[in-house]
Protein backbone atom coordinates (compact mmCIF):
# COMPACT_ATOMS: atom_id res chain seq x y z
CA GLU A 1 9.69 -17.29 11.00
CA ASN A 2 12.87 -15.42 11.97
CA ASN A 3 11.63 -12.63 9.69
CA SER A 4 10.90 -9.12 10.91
CA LEU A 5 8.34 -7.55 8.63
CA CYS A 6 9.11 -4.10 7.07
CA TYR A 7 6.40 -2.26 5.21
CA ASP A 8 6.99 -0.83 1.75
CA HIS A 9 3.72 1.21 1.53
CA LEU A 10 0.18 1.39 2.75
CA ALA A 11 -2.56 2.05 0.23
CA PHE A 12 -6.00 3.75 0.54
CA ARG A 13 -8.99 4.16 -1.77
CA THR A 14 -11.19 7.25 -1.82
CA PHE A 15 -14.02 8.98 -3.77
CA GLY A 16 -12.79 12.13 -5.56
CA VAL A 17 -15.89 14.21 -4.78
CA ASN A 18 -17.17 16.52 -1.92
CA GLY A 19 -13.80 16.64 -0.26
CA TYR A 20 -13.75 12.75 0.25
CA GLY A 21 -10.85 12.09 -2.07
CA ILE A 22 -7.10 12.00 -1.61
CA ASP A 23 -6.89 15.22 0.36
CA SER A 24 -9.16 13.66 3.14
CA LEU A 25 -6.30 11.28 4.05
CA ALA A 26 -3.24 13.11 2.71
CA GLN A 27 -3.11 15.89 5.34
CA PHE A 28 -2.73 13.55 8.18
CA PHE A 29 0.50 12.18 6.66
CA LEU A 30 1.70 15.63 5.50
CA ASP A 31 1.25 16.96 9.02
CA TYR A 32 3.54 14.04 10.19
CA GLY A 33 6.30 15.11 7.89
CA TYR A 34 5.53 13.09 4.67
CA THR A 35 6.28 14.62 1.25
CA GLN A 36 3.93 14.52 -1.66
CA ARG A 37 5.66 12.87 -4.67
CA ASP A 38 4.35 11.70 -8.05
CA GLU A 39 0.93 11.62 -9.58
CA LEU A 40 -0.28 8.41 -11.28
CA THR A 41 -3.25 8.29 -13.61
CA PHE A 42 -5.17 5.21 -14.67
CA PRO A 43 -7.57 6.39 -17.48
CA GLY A 44 -9.10 2.93 -18.10
CA LYS A 45 -10.22 2.77 -14.34
CA LYS A 46 -10.98 6.47 -14.13
CA LEU A 47 -8.65 6.88 -11.13
CA ARG A 48 -5.79 9.06 -10.15
CA ALA A 49 -3.30 8.54 -7.37
CA LEU A 50 -0.57 10.37 -5.34
CA TRP A 51 2.23 8.79 -3.32
CA PHE A 52 4.05 10.25 -0.38
CA SER A 53 7.48 9.52 0.94
CA PRO A 54 8.15 9.28 4.68
CA PRO A 55 10.06 11.99 6.61
CA PRO A 56 13.86 11.66 6.29
CA LEU A 57 14.37 10.56 9.89
CA ALA A 58 12.60 7.35 9.23
CA ASP A 59 15.78 5.81 7.80
CA SER A 60 18.31 7.57 10.06
CA PHE A 61 20.36 5.86 12.67
CA PHE A 62 18.35 7.20 15.60
CA GLY A 63 15.00 7.03 13.91
CA ASN A 64 14.99 3.55 12.32
CA GLY A 65 11.38 3.14 12.01
CA SER A 66 11.56 0.77 15.09
CA GLY A 67 7.81 0.47 15.32
CA MET A 68 7.85 -1.54 12.08
CA ASN A 69 11.50 -2.78 12.17
CA GLY A 70 12.46 -0.61 9.26
CA PRO A 71 11.85 2.67 7.58
CA LEU A 72 8.43 4.19 7.77
CA PRO A 73 6.31 3.11 4.85
CA ARG A 74 5.44 5.21 1.74
CA ILE A 75 1.74 6.10 1.45
CA PHE A 76 -0.28 5.51 -1.67
CA ILE A 77 -3.72 7.14 -2.01
CA SER A 78 -5.93 6.86 -5.00
CA GLU A 79 -9.34 8.35 -5.82
CA LEU A 80 -12.11 7.58 -8.15
CA LEU A 81 -12.79 10.46 -10.68
CA VAL A 82 -16.44 10.60 -9.79
CA ASP A 83 -17.29 13.24 -12.32
CA GLN A 84 -16.38 10.73 -15.08
CA MET A 85 -18.77 8.11 -13.97
CA SER A 86 -22.42 7.71 -15.28
CA PRO A 87 -25.00 10.02 -13.74
CA ARG A 88 -26.62 7.09 -11.83
CA THR A 89 -23.29 6.03 -10.26
CA GLN A 90 -22.44 9.68 -9.53
CA GLY A 91 -25.85 10.06 -7.81
CA ILE A 92 -25.23 7.07 -5.47
CA ILE A 93 -21.77 8.31 -4.53
CA ARG A 94 -22.83 11.80 -3.80
CA LYS A 95 -25.91 10.54 -1.84
CA TYR A 96 -23.65 8.91 0.71
CA THR A 97 -20.75 11.42 0.76
CA GLU A 98 -23.09 14.32 1.09
CA SER A 99 -25.06 12.62 3.90
CA SER A 100 -21.83 11.99 5.84
CA GLY A 101 -21.59 15.51 7.10
CA ASN A 102 -18.11 16.26 8.35
CA GLY A 103 -17.16 12.64 7.97
CA LYS A 104 -14.24 13.64 5.57
CA LYS A 105 -12.44 15.41 8.55
CA TYR A 106 -12.16 12.11 10.34
CA ALA A 107 -11.13 9.99 7.46
CA ALA A 108 -7.83 8.86 9.07
CA LEU A 109 -9.58 8.05 12.37
CA ALA A 110 -12.34 6.13 10.47
CA SER A 111 -9.59 4.21 8.72
CA SER A 112 -7.89 3.22 11.78
CA LEU A 113 -11.20 2.09 13.43
CA GLY A 114 -12.52 0.43 10.28
CA HIS A 115 -15.70 2.42 10.37
CA LEU A 116 -17.59 4.00 7.40
CA THR A 117 -18.13 7.79 7.55
CA TRP A 118 -21.49 7.33 5.74
CA ASP A 119 -24.52 5.07 6.09
CA LYS A 120 -24.48 1.47 4.80
CA PRO A 121 -25.75 1.40 1.24
CA LEU A 122 -28.45 -0.71 -0.34
CA TYR A 123 -27.36 -3.81 -2.00
CA SER A 124 -28.83 -2.64 -5.35
CA GLU A 125 -26.59 0.39 -5.09
CA PHE A 126 -23.54 -1.73 -4.50
CA GLN A 127 -24.43 -3.80 -7.52
CA GLN A 128 -24.80 -0.69 -9.58
CA LEU A 129 -21.34 0.54 -8.79
CA ALA A 130 -19.80 -2.93 -9.19
CA ARG A 131 -21.07 -3.03 -12.76
CA GLU A 132 -19.35 0.18 -13.72
CA SER A 133 -16.37 0.21 -11.35
CA GLU A 134 -15.34 -2.51 -9.00
CA TYR A 135 -13.08 0.13 -7.32
CA ALA A 136 -16.20 2.34 -6.55
CA ALA A 137 -18.11 -0.78 -5.10
CA TRP A 138 -15.23 -1.60 -2.93
CA THR A 139 -14.98 1.88 -1.57
CA LEU A 140 -18.75 2.24 -1.01
CA VAL A 141 -18.63 -0.63 1.56
CA ASN A 142 -15.13 -0.38 2.81
CA GLY A 143 -14.69 3.55 3.01
CA HIS A 144 -11.39 4.73 4.10
CA ALA A 145 -10.23 1.33 5.44
CA LEU A 146 -6.75 0.27 4.63
CA ASN A 147 -6.95 -1.25 1.11
CA HIS A 148 -3.61 -3.12 1.32
CA VAL A 149 -0.30 -3.22 3.18
CA THR A 150 2.85 -4.04 1.24
CA ILE A 151 5.74 -6.07 2.67
CA SER A 152 9.22 -5.18 1.62
CA ALA A 153 10.50 -8.54 0.31
CA HIS A 154 14.00 -7.36 0.07
CA ARG A 155 14.15 -6.65 3.75
CA LEU A 156 13.35 -10.14 4.72
CA LYS A 157 16.33 -11.92 6.35
CA THR A 158 16.01 -15.53 4.61
CA TYR A 159 15.83 -16.75 1.05
CA LEU A 160 12.37 -15.32 0.81
CA ARG A 161 13.92 -11.85 0.17
CA ASP A 162 13.85 -13.06 -3.43
CA ILE A 163 10.30 -12.31 -4.47
CA LYS A 164 10.10 -15.21 -6.94
CA LYS A 165 10.93 -17.65 -4.17
CA LEU A 166 8.51 -15.86 -1.78
CA ASN A 167 5.69 -16.18 -4.38
CA GLN A 168 6.42 -19.90 -4.68
CA PHE A 169 6.39 -20.25 -0.97
CA LEU A 170 3.06 -18.46 -0.75
CA GLU A 171 1.41 -20.53 -3.33
CA GLU A 172 2.72 -23.77 -1.99
CA SER A 173 1.26 -22.68 1.40
CA GLY A 174 -2.17 -22.29 -0.10
CA PHE A 175 -2.31 -18.49 -0.70
CA ARG A 176 -3.89 -17.35 -4.00
CA LEU A 177 -1.94 -14.62 -5.73
CA ASN A 178 -3.34 -12.10 -8.19
CA SER A 179 -2.75 -13.48 -11.62
CA GLU A 180 -3.75 -10.37 -13.60
CA GLY A 181 -0.91 -9.81 -16.17
CA GLY A 182 1.03 -12.69 -14.48
CA VAL A 183 1.76 -13.25 -10.80
CA LEU A 184 4.92 -11.25 -10.86
CA LYS A 185 4.68 -7.56 -12.01
CA VAL A 186 7.92 -6.11 -13.23
CA SER A 187 8.65 -2.38 -13.97
CA PRO A 188 10.11 -1.61 -17.43
CA ASP A 189 13.52 -0.89 -15.86
CA GLY A 190 13.42 -4.24 -14.02
CA LEU A 191 14.10 -2.74 -10.67
CA LEU A 192 10.64 -2.90 -9.15
CA LEU A 193 8.98 -6.39 -8.60
CA GLN A 194 5.62 -6.74 -7.23
CA SER A 195 2.99 -9.28 -6.47
CA SER A 196 -0.12 -9.58 -4.28
CA THR A 197 -2.64 -11.93 -2.72
CA VAL A 198 -6.19 -11.93 -3.74
CA ALA A 199 -8.44 -9.96 -1.42
CA ASP A 200 -10.15 -11.60 1.54
CA SER A 201 -13.92 -11.55 1.64
CA ILE A 202 -16.13 -10.60 4.55
CA SER A 203 -19.88 -10.86 5.18
CA PHE A 204 -21.63 -7.39 4.88
CA GLN A 205 -25.13 -6.62 5.86
CA PHE A 206 -26.52 -3.88 3.57
CA SER A 207 -29.07 -1.39 4.86
CA ASP A 208 -31.96 -3.34 3.18
CA GLY A 209 -31.11 -6.37 5.35
CA ILE A 210 -29.51 -8.40 2.48
CA THR A 211 -26.18 -9.88 3.63
CA GLU A 212 -23.48 -10.78 0.98
CA SER A 213 -19.88 -11.51 0.76
CA VAL A 214 -17.77 -8.42 -0.39
CA PRO A 215 -14.07 -8.11 -0.91
CA CYS A 216 -12.03 -6.36 1.75
CA SER A 217 -8.13 -6.06 2.08
CA TYR A 218 -5.14 -7.85 0.71
CA ILE A 219 -1.30 -8.02 1.04
CA GLU A 220 1.11 -6.98 -1.55
CA PHE A 221 4.81 -7.74 -1.77
CA ALA A 222 7.49 -5.50 -3.28
CA GLU A 223 11.12 -6.09 -4.06
CA ARG A 224 13.08 -3.00 -4.76
CA LEU A 225 16.35 -3.65 -6.43
CA VAL A 226 19.48 -1.64 -5.87
CA LEU A 227 20.04 1.28 -8.40
CA PRO A 228 22.92 0.76 -10.83
CA GLN A 229 25.01 3.53 -9.30
CA TYR A 230 25.01 1.80 -5.94
CA GLU A 231 25.30 -1.82 -6.86
CA ASN A 232 29.01 -2.02 -5.51
CA LEU A 233 27.85 -1.19 -2.04
CA PRO A 234 27.91 -4.02 0.49
CA HIS A 235 24.40 -5.47 1.17
CA THR A 236 24.97 -6.30 4.84
CA GLU A 237 26.28 -4.29 7.74
CA SER A 238 29.41 -5.54 9.40
CA ALA A 239 29.31 -6.58 13.01
CA PRO A 240 30.50 -3.93 15.68
CA ARG A 241 34.32 -3.86 15.88
CA ASP A 242 36.52 -2.59 18.70
CA PHE A 243 38.78 0.37 17.68
CA GLY A 244 41.30 -0.40 20.56
CA THR A 245 40.02 2.69 22.41
CA GLY A 246 37.20 1.14 24.28
CA TYR A 247 34.73 2.20 21.72
CA THR A 248 32.74 -0.24 19.62
CA LEU A 249 31.66 0.75 16.15
CA GLU A 250 28.21 1.53 17.52
CA LEU A 251 29.71 4.12 19.93
CA HIS A 252 32.07 5.46 17.54
CA ARG A 253 29.40 6.26 15.01
CA ILE A 254 27.55 8.18 17.71
CA LYS A 255 30.58 9.96 19.04
CA CYS A 256 32.05 10.92 15.60
CA HIS A 257 28.76 11.25 13.74
CA CYS A 258 30.22 8.90 11.13
CA ASP A 259 27.69 6.18 10.58
CA PHE A 260 29.22 3.13 9.05
CA ALA A 261 25.78 1.83 8.18
CA GLU A 262 25.66 4.57 5.45
CA LEU A 263 28.18 2.65 3.54
CA THR A 264 25.78 -0.35 3.23
CA ILE A 265 22.62 -0.58 1.18
CA LYS A 266 19.81 1.43 2.42
CA GLU A 267 16.24 1.98 1.24
CA PHE A 268 17.30 5.25 -0.56
CA HIS A 269 19.75 3.27 -2.64
CA ARG A 270 16.95 1.25 -4.09
CA ARG A 271 14.45 1.85 -6.89
CA ASP A 272 11.76 4.28 -5.49
CA GLY A 273 8.39 5.20 -6.61
CA PHE A 274 5.57 3.25 -8.35
CA GLU A 275 4.85 1.96 -11.83
CA VAL A 276 1.36 2.79 -13.38
CA ALA A 277 1.14 -0.53 -15.47
CA SER A 278 2.01 -2.78 -12.35
CA ALA A 279 -0.24 -0.70 -10.02
CA ASP A 280 -3.07 -1.00 -12.42
CA LYS A 281 -2.84 -4.78 -12.32
CA ILE A 282 -2.44 -4.79 -8.47
CA PHE A 283 -5.76 -3.00 -8.26
CA GLU A 284 -7.37 -6.08 -9.60
CA SER A 285 -6.68 -7.96 -6.37
CA THR A 286 -10.22 -6.97 -5.25
CA SER A 287 -11.86 -7.81 -8.59
CA LYS A 288 -14.65 -10.25 -8.80
CA GLU A 289 -12.73 -12.23 -11.26
CA GLN A 290 -9.70 -12.65 -8.93
CA VAL A 291 -11.76 -13.09 -5.77
CA SER A 292 -14.02 -15.83 -7.51
CA ARG A 293 -10.90 -17.64 -8.77
CA ALA A 294 -9.50 -17.63 -5.12
CA GLY A 295 -12.68 -19.19 -3.75
CA ALA A 296 -12.87 -21.71 -6.34
């Protein structure tokens, strides 16, 4: 209540084969003005990921990301390194991606509509993938759907901007949080703090008529602390003032191109990027262990 939600990043999962990997979604965001940033690798999970920063105008005075009450979100796209999986698992994944035709061209549209670009799999195929990679099993039944959305805790307006207090509030409200490696995931520099709920489950009917509960999406929370070189900047913007010339501060900043808000903490003053160790644990939000614990 009394909090406008701002999104830190949106995350997607893909199969890194037959053009259905990161590139199938990345081009949509690159065309919109996003910039490719760092690559992250997860050898244990046989994954790689790229993240993309939003266009500069997203945090400017005139383009303040009004659609989401803040800067446009970062984009995090991961892909399963299919060639590193067992022959049987590779065969299942290739079967569906190859039968999809030109589905990879419409990955962004399929994501927004929540539709698979390939046929529904057999339940036995889902089980095979789940035994080897829960990431692969999730992607087989969810496709390019949004894996999770991350809320910027530090942009909340109440005491909940402190992620530790936010986590406590969520747990007291009945939400189950991902406990892998501890509820709060902290980067080595201490400037990126993350937590996430456990994924919801939905009823999914497989092509052989079997209906089972499968994990879908979840919500992450991130608090990005101010970088040391900017820690002396004020954290809140002053109210508009009258300069005695009939101009309020709002008009003055437009007329003189002198934005007072730039003297206050902005998103670019905060810790950017992602942390492999933390992201590796966040992936577990859709794992059978975490989902089963949530349903207990």
